[in-house]
Amino acid sequence: MNSSQWDYKPFWIEVISQINHEITEQEYVMWFKNMEYRSSADSEIIISVPSSFYKDQVTKRYLPFIENTLYDLSGHKIKITFNIQKRSKKKHTNNKEKPPAKTSLKYSTNLKKKNHPRFNAEYIFDKFVIGDNNSFAANASFAIAKNPGTAYNPCLIYGGVGLGKTHLIQAIGNEAYQDSPGQKIVYVTAETFTNEFILSIREKSSHKFKNKYRKVDILLIDDVHFLPGKVETQEELFHTFNALYDANKQMVFTCDRPVSELKTISDRLRSRFERGLNVDLQPPNYETRIAILKQKIENKNITIPDKIVELICKNVTTNVRDLEKALTRLIAYADLVNKEITLEIAQRQLKDLFSHPYHKKITLSLIQRIVADYFSLSSNELKGKKRTKAIAFPRQISMYISREITEYSTTEVGLDFGGRDHTTVMHAYQKIEDKIKTDPTLEPTIQHLIRTIKNFKV
C-alpha cells in the first residue's frame, strides 16, 4: 500500500495547533518546536525528537492528550511513535565565521514586574545568553520557574566557575516571584545556610531556623560543594529536603561539579541530590561568547568595534566571568585616558589575560604533554580514540592528575580529552584512585608527574 494513503500530517498539524492554545508559549517552544513530523503508516504517526530525555518527558506530559485529540479528529486510534534524531551541530572555525544574529533567548514579553528584593535584578532569563553549552539547563530552569514542585524536583545545576549557575538559580526565583508574588521563596548559599544553622544552635533558636527553611514554596541553595565535611549541616539539610519534597515544594541546588564527585558527603544526602534532574553548564563556544559580550556591551550602553569583540572571544575561552573582566578593563582604560579603544590598545591591555588565565596556570595541554612524554606517547594519542592498555592507562592518569591539581570540571577535562563525556573522567579518576591502594608503585609515579608539571617552566 502506498504510504501516501496513510498521510496523517493534517491531523498532526491540527493537534499541534490545539496544544498551542492549551499550554503556555514557553512550554510550547520548549517541547513542541523541536518535534518534527516524519511519516505516517497504518494507524501510526512517526515523530522525530532530539533525545531520549526529551522523548520520556513528552511521553509522560503530553502523549495521552495528543492521542486523545487524534482520536477525536480521525475517529480511530492513531499511535504516536517517537524516533530519536539528534540535531547535527555545525563546526566552527574562528577565522570567517559570522557571529549569530540573536544574543539572548527572550522568554517573556510581559510588562515589567517588580523583582524579588533578595535577588539580583540583573539575574533574569531575558539576560541569560543561550548557547549549545547551556540550553538544556536554561530551558529546564525556566520550566521550573513556571511550574515549581512538579516535573523537575529537585534540580541540581552544576558547572565550573563563571558559567552562570548563580544567574540561573536566581532567575528561577525572580521569574517565579513575578508570576506569584505571594510565594515564599528563599535563596541562600550553602555557606550562609551553614552559618545560620550554627547560630541557631548557639542561640537555641532551632525552631526559627526550621520554620524559615521547611515552610517555603521554593528553596534555592547555591554552591553545595561547600557542604562536604560539615556533618551536622548535612544532617539538617537532609531533613529539610525530606520535609519539602514530601510537601511537593521546589528545590534547586548548584554545585561546581557533579554531586557524585563530592567527597565526605553523606550517601543519603547525595542520593537526594541525584533523585531529580541534574544538568550541567559547559564553557561557552565562540558564537556564544560573541553573543554574551555583545549583550554586555549593549547593557552598558557603550560602543566597541566588532574586531575587538572578536579578538576577546578568540582569546578568552574559559567562562563568562573572564569575558566580563576583559571588557571591564578596556572600559576602565578608555575612561581613564579618554581615548577610543583600538585593536592595538586592546591587544596591549589584555595581553596578560590572553596568555596567562589567572586561575588556570596549569593547563590540560601541559598535563597531557608531561604524561605523554613519560609514557613515550604523544598528546594526540591521549586525546584519541584508541583504548589499548598502553594508551588507556596513561590517559586515565592524565585525567586523574587534571582533577587533583586543577580547578577544571570533569566536563572541561572530558572535552579536552577528545570530546569525552564527564562520566568517562569520573570513571578514570576512580580507577586510578582504586589502583593506588593496591599498587605501591603508582603513587610515587603520580607524585613525580605532578612535581614535573608544577615545576615546568613555560
Protein backbone atom coordinates (compact mmCIF):
# COMPACT_ATOMS: atom_id res chain seq x y z
CA MET A 1 0.00 0.00 0.00
CA ASN A 2 1.32 3.43 -0.89
CA SER A 3 2.43 5.34 2.19
CA SER A 4 0.64 8.44 0.88
CA GLN A 5 -2.65 6.69 1.66
CA TRP A 6 -1.73 7.00 5.30
CA ASP A 7 -0.93 10.69 5.35
CA TYR A 8 -1.90 11.87 8.83
CA LYS A 9 0.10 15.07 8.63
CA PRO A 10 -3.02 17.32 8.52
CA PHE A 11 -4.25 15.69 11.74
CA TRP A 12 -0.83 16.22 13.35
CA ILE A 13 -0.82 19.88 12.37
CA GLU A 14 -4.27 20.33 13.89
CA VAL A 15 -3.22 18.58 17.12
CA ILE A 16 -0.20 20.88 17.44
CA SER A 17 -2.45 23.89 16.84
CA GLN A 18 -4.80 22.80 19.61
CA ILE A 19 -1.94 22.11 22.01
CA ASN A 20 -0.55 25.57 21.32
CA HIS A 21 -3.80 27.02 22.66
CA GLU A 22 -3.85 24.76 25.72
CA ILE A 23 -0.37 25.36 27.13
CA THR A 24 1.88 28.37 27.73
CA GLU A 25 4.05 29.78 24.96
CA GLN A 26 7.17 28.78 26.86
CA GLU A 27 6.03 25.15 27.22
CA TYR A 28 5.17 25.05 23.55
CA VAL A 29 8.55 26.42 22.50
CA MET A 30 10.41 24.11 24.85
CA TRP A 31 8.68 20.83 23.99
CA PHE A 32 6.97 21.12 20.60
CA LYS A 33 9.23 23.34 18.49
CA ASN A 34 11.83 20.57 18.43
CA MET A 35 9.41 17.91 17.20
CA GLU A 36 9.31 17.10 13.52
CA TYR A 37 6.69 15.12 11.59
CA ARG A 38 8.49 12.35 9.68
CA SER A 39 5.93 9.98 8.14
CA SER A 40 2.69 8.03 8.57
CA ALA A 41 1.79 4.36 8.46
CA ASP A 42 -1.35 2.36 9.15
CA SER A 43 -2.70 3.92 12.39
CA GLU A 44 0.71 5.36 13.26
CA ILE A 45 2.49 8.71 13.08
CA ILE A 46 6.29 8.88 13.27
CA ILE A 47 7.66 11.98 15.03
CA SER A 48 11.36 12.78 15.49
CA VAL A 49 12.64 14.21 18.80
CA PRO A 50 16.21 15.22 19.72
CA SER A 51 16.96 12.97 22.73
CA SER A 52 15.82 10.11 24.97
CA PHE A 53 15.19 12.54 27.80
CA TYR A 54 13.05 14.67 25.51
CA LYS A 55 11.11 11.58 24.40
CA ASP A 56 10.48 10.47 28.00
CA GLN A 57 9.29 13.91 29.13
CA VAL A 58 6.95 14.45 26.17
CA THR A 59 5.54 10.94 26.58
CA LYS A 60 4.86 11.48 30.27
CA ARG A 61 3.47 15.00 29.93
CA TYR A 62 1.58 15.15 26.66
CA LEU A 63 1.14 11.77 24.94
CA PRO A 64 -2.36 10.99 26.33
CA PHE A 65 -3.61 14.42 25.25
CA ILE A 66 -2.07 14.01 21.78
CA GLU A 67 -3.56 10.56 21.19
CA ASN A 68 -6.99 11.51 22.54
CA THR A 69 -7.08 14.57 20.30
CA LEU A 70 -6.06 12.46 17.29
CA TYR A 71 -8.88 10.05 18.09
CA ASP A 72 -11.41 12.90 18.21
CA LEU A 73 -10.18 14.22 14.86
CA SER A 74 -9.83 10.95 12.94
CA GLY A 75 -12.42 8.67 14.56
CA HIS A 76 -9.94 5.87 15.25
CA LYS A 77 -6.87 5.25 17.37
CA ILE A 78 -3.57 6.51 15.96
CA LYS A 79 -0.35 5.53 17.69
CA ILE A 80 2.45 8.08 18.12
CA THR A 81 5.99 6.73 17.74
CA PHE A 82 8.87 8.97 18.75
CA ASN A 83 12.18 8.40 16.96
CA ILE A 84 15.33 9.95 18.41
CA GLN A 85 17.16 12.01 15.83
CA LYS A 86 19.93 14.15 17.24
CA ARG A 87 20.37 17.57 15.69
CA SER A 88 23.66 17.99 13.88
CA LYS A 89 25.98 20.70 15.17
CA LYS A 90 27.84 22.96 12.79
CA LYS A 91 31.58 23.02 13.27
CA HIS A 92 33.06 26.43 13.88
CA THR A 93 36.19 27.98 12.50
CA ASN A 94 37.22 31.23 14.12
CA ASN A 95 38.54 32.93 11.03
CA LYS A 96 35.50 33.76 8.92
CA GLU A 97 32.54 32.71 10.96
CA LYS A 98 30.00 35.49 11.49
CA PRO A 99 28.58 35.95 14.96
CA PRO A 100 24.95 34.94 15.45
CA ALA A 101 22.23 37.49 14.94
CA LYS A 102 20.49 36.84 18.25
CA THR A 103 22.18 37.50 21.58
CA SER A 104 19.70 36.03 24.03
CA LEU A 105 16.60 33.92 24.25
CA LYS A 106 13.65 36.12 25.10
CA TYR A 107 11.47 34.12 27.42
CA SER A 108 8.71 36.57 28.19
CA THR A 109 7.00 39.58 26.76
CA ASN A 110 5.08 40.54 29.89
CA LEU A 111 5.07 44.06 31.26
CA LYS A 112 7.93 44.69 33.63
CA LYS A 113 7.14 43.47 37.12
CA LYS A 114 8.83 44.02 40.42
CA ASN A 115 11.75 41.70 41.11
CA HIS A 116 12.22 39.82 44.36
CA PRO A 117 14.02 42.15 46.81
CA ARG A 118 16.60 39.46 47.74
CA PHE A 119 17.57 38.63 44.16
CA ASN A 120 19.88 40.45 41.79
CA ALA A 121 17.62 42.27 39.33
CA GLU A 122 20.10 41.51 36.53
CA TYR A 123 19.74 37.77 37.03
CA ILE A 124 16.70 37.16 34.85
CA PHE A 125 16.11 34.78 31.95
CA ASP A 126 15.96 37.56 29.36
CA LYS A 127 19.57 38.42 30.19
CA PHE A 128 20.89 34.87 30.13
CA VAL A 129 22.51 34.19 26.76
CA ILE A 130 21.66 30.77 25.35
CA GLY A 131 24.13 28.54 23.50
CA ASP A 132 24.73 24.84 22.92
CA ASN A 133 26.65 24.73 26.19
CA ASN A 134 23.72 25.75 28.41
CA SER A 135 20.40 25.49 26.52
CA PHE A 136 19.20 22.39 28.38
CA ALA A 137 19.96 23.90 31.80
CA ALA A 138 18.35 27.23 30.84
CA ASN A 139 15.16 25.67 29.48
CA ALA A 140 14.86 23.31 32.45
CA SER A 141 15.32 26.27 34.83
CA PHE A 142 12.61 28.23 33.07
CA ALA A 143 10.24 25.26 33.21
CA ILE A 144 10.89 25.01 36.96
CA ALA A 145 10.13 28.71 37.45
CA LYS A 146 6.82 28.32 35.62
CA ASN A 147 5.77 25.05 37.30
CA PRO A 148 7.60 24.75 40.63
CA GLY A 149 7.35 21.49 42.52
CA THR A 150 6.27 19.38 39.53
CA ALA A 151 8.48 17.66 36.94
CA TYR A 152 12.00 18.71 37.90
CA ASN A 153 12.17 18.42 41.65
CA PRO A 154 14.81 18.58 42.93
CA CYS A 155 17.11 20.09 40.31
CA LEU A 156 20.89 20.32 40.53
CA ILE A 157 22.74 22.68 38.18
CA TYR A 158 26.49 22.07 38.07
CA GLY A 159 29.44 23.54 36.21
CA GLY A 160 32.73 25.38 36.58
CA VAL A 161 33.39 28.91 37.79
CA GLY A 162 31.69 31.75 35.92
CA LEU A 163 29.38 29.66 33.71
CA GLY A 164 26.07 31.06 35.01
CA LYS A 165 24.94 28.83 37.88
CA THR A 166 24.07 31.72 40.19
CA HIS A 167 22.41 33.61 37.32
CA LEU A 168 20.11 30.67 36.56
CA ILE A 169 19.19 29.83 40.14
CA GLN A 170 18.31 33.47 40.89
CA ALA A 171 16.47 33.79 37.56
CA ILE A 172 14.24 30.94 38.73
CA GLY A 173 13.45 32.92 41.86
CA ASN A 174 12.86 36.17 40.01
CA GLU A 175 10.56 34.57 37.42
CA ALA A 176 8.56 32.57 39.97
CA TYR A 177 8.14 35.66 42.14
CA GLN A 178 6.89 37.72 39.19
CA ASP A 179 4.29 35.08 38.39
CA SER A 180 3.19 34.61 42.02
CA PRO A 181 4.48 37.32 44.41
CA GLY A 182 2.75 35.54 47.29
CA GLN A 183 5.05 32.54 47.10
CA LYS A 184 7.64 32.18 49.83
CA ILE A 185 10.97 31.90 48.02
CA VAL A 186 14.27 31.59 49.85
CA TYR A 187 17.68 31.89 48.17
CA VAL A 188 20.82 31.21 50.17
CA THR A 189 24.36 29.99 49.65
CA ALA A 190 25.38 26.73 51.32
CA GLU A 191 27.87 28.69 53.41
CA THR A 192 25.16 31.03 54.71
CA PHE A 193 22.87 28.07 55.37
CA THR A 194 25.67 26.52 57.45
CA ASN A 195 26.38 29.73 59.37
CA GLU A 196 22.70 30.26 60.16
CA PHE A 197 22.40 26.67 61.33
CA ILE A 198 25.41 27.06 63.67
CA LEU A 199 23.98 30.34 65.00
CA SER A 200 20.60 28.69 65.67
CA ILE A 201 22.32 26.03 67.79
CA ARG A 202 24.32 28.63 69.71
CA GLU A 203 21.27 30.81 70.36
CA LYS A 204 18.95 27.81 70.92
CA SER A 205 16.64 29.03 68.17
CA SER A 206 16.46 25.89 66.03
CA HIS A 207 12.68 26.21 65.67
CA LYS A 208 13.10 29.57 63.90
CA PHE A 209 15.71 28.10 61.57
CA LYS A 210 13.47 25.14 60.72
CA ASN A 211 10.46 27.38 60.15
CA LYS A 212 12.48 29.54 57.76
CA TYR A 213 13.63 26.68 55.55
CA ARG A 214 10.96 24.00 55.91
CA LYS A 215 7.96 26.23 55.26
CA VAL A 216 8.90 27.65 51.88
CA ASP A 217 7.42 27.16 48.43
CA ILE A 218 10.79 27.32 46.65
CA LEU A 219 14.20 26.74 48.23
CA LEU A 220 17.27 27.75 46.22
CA ILE A 221 20.69 26.79 47.63
CA ASP A 222 23.83 27.92 45.82
CA ASP A 223 27.27 26.24 45.98
CA VAL A 224 26.51 22.96 47.77
CA HIS A 225 30.15 21.97 47.17
CA PHE A 226 30.70 23.93 50.41
CA LEU A 227 28.93 21.18 52.39
CA PRO A 228 31.40 18.24 52.39
CA GLY A 229 32.85 17.64 55.86
CA LYS A 230 30.05 19.55 57.62
CA VAL A 231 28.26 16.54 59.09
CA GLU A 232 25.61 18.27 61.22
CA THR A 233 24.75 20.76 58.47
CA GLN A 234 24.30 17.88 56.03
CA GLU A 235 22.02 16.16 58.53
CA GLU A 236 19.87 19.29 58.87
CA LEU A 237 19.71 19.76 55.09
CA PHE A 238 18.71 16.11 54.70
CA HIS A 239 15.68 16.61 56.98
CA THR A 240 14.84 19.93 55.35
CA PHE A 241 14.99 18.23 51.95
CA ASN A 242 12.61 15.46 53.05
CA ALA A 243 10.11 17.91 54.54
CA LEU A 244 9.97 19.99 51.36
CA TYR A 245 9.97 17.01 48.99
CA ASP A 246 7.05 15.40 50.82
CA ALA A 247 5.15 18.70 50.56
CA ASN A 248 5.87 18.98 46.78
CA LYS A 249 7.87 22.15 47.29
CA GLN A 250 10.52 23.03 44.70
CA MET A 251 14.23 22.74 45.48
CA VAL A 252 17.11 23.84 43.25
CA PHE A 253 20.80 23.47 44.06
CA THR A 254 24.02 24.47 42.32
CA CYS A 255 27.43 22.84 42.54
CA ASP A 256 30.80 23.26 40.85
CA ARG A 257 30.89 19.56 39.86
CA PRO A 258 28.58 16.52 39.62
CA VAL A 259 27.42 15.66 43.12
CA SER A 260 28.86 12.16 42.71
CA GLU A 261 32.32 13.77 42.90
CA LEU A 262 31.73 15.48 46.24
CA LYS A 263 33.88 13.81 48.87
CA THR A 264 32.86 13.36 52.53
CA ILE A 265 29.20 13.96 51.85
CA SER A 266 26.67 11.52 53.26
CA ASP A 267 25.35 8.90 50.88
CA ARG A 268 21.73 9.63 51.73
CA LEU A 269 22.11 13.36 51.04
CA ARG A 270 23.96 12.56 47.81
CA SER A 271 21.08 10.29 46.76
CA ARG A 272 18.61 13.13 47.43
CA PHE A 273 20.55 15.49 45.15
CA GLU A 274 20.64 12.84 42.43
CA ARG A 275 16.95 11.97 42.78
CA GLY A 276 15.74 14.66 40.39
CA LEU A 277 17.14 16.40 37.33
CA ASN A 278 20.90 17.05 37.14
CA VAL A 279 22.02 19.41 34.36
CA ASP A 280 25.47 20.75 33.54
CA LEU A 281 26.80 24.04 32.23
CA GLN A 282 29.77 23.81 29.86
CA PRO A 283 32.18 26.54 28.76
CA PRO A 284 30.61 28.72 26.05
CA ASN A 285 31.66 28.18 22.44
CA TYR A 286 32.89 31.02 20.22
CA GLU A 287 29.47 32.05 18.91
CA THR A 288 28.00 32.11 22.41
CA ARG A 289 30.94 34.15 23.72
CA ILE A 290 30.32 36.71 20.96
CA ALA A 291 26.64 36.88 21.90
CA ILE A 292 27.41 37.23 25.62
CA LEU A 293 29.92 40.00 25.10
CA LYS A 294 27.67 41.92 22.71
CA GLN A 295 24.81 41.77 25.19
CA LYS A 296 27.03 43.08 27.98
CA ILE A 297 28.22 45.91 25.71
CA GLU A 298 24.61 46.74 24.86
CA ASN A 299 23.60 46.71 28.54
CA LYS A 300 26.43 49.12 29.39
CA ASN A 301 25.32 51.41 26.53
CA ILE A 302 28.81 51.66 25.05
CA THR A 303 30.32 51.07 21.61
CA ILE A 304 33.13 48.58 20.99
CA PRO A 305 34.18 47.65 17.42
CA ASP A 306 33.34 44.12 16.28
CA LYS A 307 37.03 43.39 15.64
CA ILE A 308 37.80 43.94 19.32
CA VAL A 309 34.85 41.80 20.40
CA GLU A 310 36.12 39.01 18.14
CA LEU A 311 39.66 39.43 19.49
CA ILE A 312 38.47 38.97 23.06
CA CYS A 313 36.27 35.99 22.24
CA LYS A 314 39.01 34.17 20.33
CA ASN A 315 41.45 34.52 23.23
CA VAL A 316 39.22 34.27 26.33
CA THR A 317 37.69 30.81 26.18
CA THR A 318 37.20 29.95 29.85
CA ASN A 319 33.96 31.47 31.14
CA VAL A 320 31.64 34.47 31.25
CA ARG A 321 33.43 35.99 34.23
CA ASP A 322 36.71 36.21 32.35
CA LEU A 323 34.95 37.78 29.34
CA GLU A 324 33.49 40.43 31.62
CA LYS A 325 36.87 41.02 33.23
CA ALA A 326 38.42 41.75 29.81
CA LEU A 327 35.58 44.10 28.89
CA THR A 328 35.76 45.96 32.23
CA ARG A 329 39.48 46.52 31.80
CA LEU A 330 39.01 48.08 28.36
CA ILE A 331 36.17 50.31 29.56
CA ALA A 332 38.25 51.49 32.54
CA TYR A 333 41.22 52.27 30.29
CA ALA A 334 39.03 54.25 27.87
CA ASP A 335 37.51 56.27 30.73
CA LEU A 336 40.83 57.00 32.44
CA VAL A 337 42.86 58.07 29.41
CA ASN A 338 39.89 59.41 27.43
CA LYS A 339 40.88 57.51 24.30
CA GLU A 340 38.91 55.45 21.82
CA ILE A 341 39.79 51.77 22.09
CA THR A 342 41.65 50.46 19.05
CA LEU A 343 42.64 46.91 18.18
CA GLU A 344 46.27 47.67 19.11
CA ILE A 345 45.28 49.12 22.50
CA ALA A 346 43.06 46.12 23.21
CA GLN A 347 45.85 43.68 22.39
CA ARG A 348 48.26 45.54 24.65
CA GLN A 349 45.86 45.97 27.58
CA LEU A 350 44.62 42.37 27.54
CA LYS A 351 47.91 40.66 26.77
CA ASP A 352 48.25 39.08 30.20
CA LEU A 353 44.66 37.79 30.17
CA PHE A 354 45.19 36.22 26.77
CA SER A 355 48.45 34.45 27.61
CA HIS A 356 48.05 33.54 31.29
CA PRO A 357 44.49 32.93 32.51
CA TYR A 358 44.72 33.91 36.16
CA HIS A 359 43.09 30.85 37.66
CA LYS A 360 44.34 28.18 35.28
CA LYS A 361 48.13 28.46 35.21
CA ILE A 362 48.43 24.68 34.88
CA THR A 363 46.76 23.80 31.60
CA LEU A 364 45.34 20.49 30.50
CA SER A 365 47.62 20.53 27.46
CA LEU A 366 50.66 20.77 29.77
CA ILE A 367 49.46 17.80 31.83
CA GLN A 368 48.85 15.80 28.65
CA ARG A 369 52.30 16.64 27.31
CA ILE A 370 54.18 15.71 30.51
CA VAL A 371 52.29 12.44 31.00
CA ALA A 372 52.56 11.53 27.31
CA ASP A 373 56.34 12.12 27.36
CA TYR A 374 56.74 9.97 30.45
CA PHE A 375 54.96 7.04 28.79
CA SER A 376 56.60 7.64 25.38
CA LEU A 377 53.33 8.67 23.75
CA SER A 378 52.04 11.78 22.03
CA SER A 379 49.38 14.15 23.38
CA ASN A 380 47.23 13.29 20.37
CA GLU A 381 47.27 9.62 21.37
CA LEU A 382 45.98 10.54 24.84
CA LYS A 383 43.15 12.51 23.22
CA GLY A 384 42.48 9.90 20.54
CA LYS A 385 40.02 7.02 20.35
CA LYS A 386 42.36 4.05 20.88
CA ARG A 387 41.68 2.06 24.05
CA THR A 388 44.70 -0.21 24.21
CA LYS A 389 46.15 -0.61 27.71
CA ALA A 390 49.34 1.19 26.68
CA ILE A 391 47.27 4.33 25.95
CA ALA A 392 44.20 3.98 28.18
CA PHE A 393 46.21 3.76 31.42
CA PRO A 394 48.28 6.95 30.81
CA ARG A 395 45.07 8.68 29.69
CA GLN A 396 43.40 7.76 32.99
CA ILE A 397 46.45 9.04 34.91
CA SER A 398 46.26 12.32 32.97
CA MET A 399 42.59 12.72 33.84
CA TYR A 400 43.28 11.86 37.49
CA ILE A 401 46.05 14.45 37.76
CA SER A 402 43.86 17.04 35.96
CA ARG A 403 41.22 16.65 38.64
CA GLU A 404 43.76 16.61 41.50
CA ILE A 405 45.77 19.75 40.72
CA THR A 406 43.45 22.00 38.68
CA GLU A 407 40.01 23.53 39.06
CA TYR A 408 38.78 22.21 35.73
CA SER A 409 35.42 20.44 35.95
CA THR A 410 35.02 16.88 34.69
CA THR A 411 33.09 18.29 31.74
CA GLU A 412 36.00 20.56 30.78
CA VAL A 413 38.52 17.75 31.21
CA GLY A 414 36.44 15.40 29.10
CA LEU A 415 36.09 17.95 26.31
CA ASP A 416 39.87 18.46 26.19
CA PHE A 417 40.49 14.72 26.05
CA GLY A 418 38.90 14.24 22.65
CA GLY A 419 35.36 15.34 23.50
CA ARG A 420 34.73 12.62 26.07
CA ASP A 421 31.77 12.65 28.47
CA HIS A 422 32.27 13.76 32.07
CA THR A 423 31.36 10.25 33.27
CA THR A 424 34.46 8.92 31.48
CA VAL A 425 36.60 11.31 33.52
CA MET A 426 34.85 10.27 36.74
CA HIS A 427 35.46 6.59 35.89
CA ALA A 428 39.15 7.26 35.14
CA TYR A 429 39.60 9.12 38.42
CA GLN A 430 38.02 6.30 40.44
CA LYS A 431 40.04 3.69 38.55
CA ILE A 432 43.35 5.35 39.42
CA GLU A 433 42.26 6.06 42.99
CA ASP A 434 41.44 2.36 43.48
CA LYS A 435 44.68 1.23 41.81
CA ILE A 436 46.77 3.43 44.11
CA LYS A 437 45.52 1.35 47.04
CA THR A 438 46.74 -1.92 45.52
CA ASP A 439 49.80 -0.86 43.52
CA PRO A 440 52.56 0.65 45.75
CA THR A 441 54.50 1.90 42.72
CA LEU A 442 51.70 4.04 41.30
CA GLU A 443 51.53 6.76 43.97
CA PRO A 444 55.25 7.69 43.63
CA THR A 445 54.86 7.79 39.84
CA ILE A 446 51.88 10.14 40.03
CA GLN A 447 53.64 12.39 42.57
CA HIS A 448 56.69 12.54 40.29
CA LEU A 449 54.48 13.59 37.37
CA ILE A 450 52.71 16.23 39.49
CA ARG A 451 56.04 17.72 40.61
CA THR A 452 57.25 17.79 37.00
CA ILE A 453 54.08 19.55 35.89
CA LYS A 454 54.17 22.13 38.69
CA ASN A 455 57.88 22.88 38.15
CA PHE A 456 57.61 23.11 34.38
CA LYS A 457 58.96 26.41 33.05
CA VAL A 458 56.94 27.90 30.20
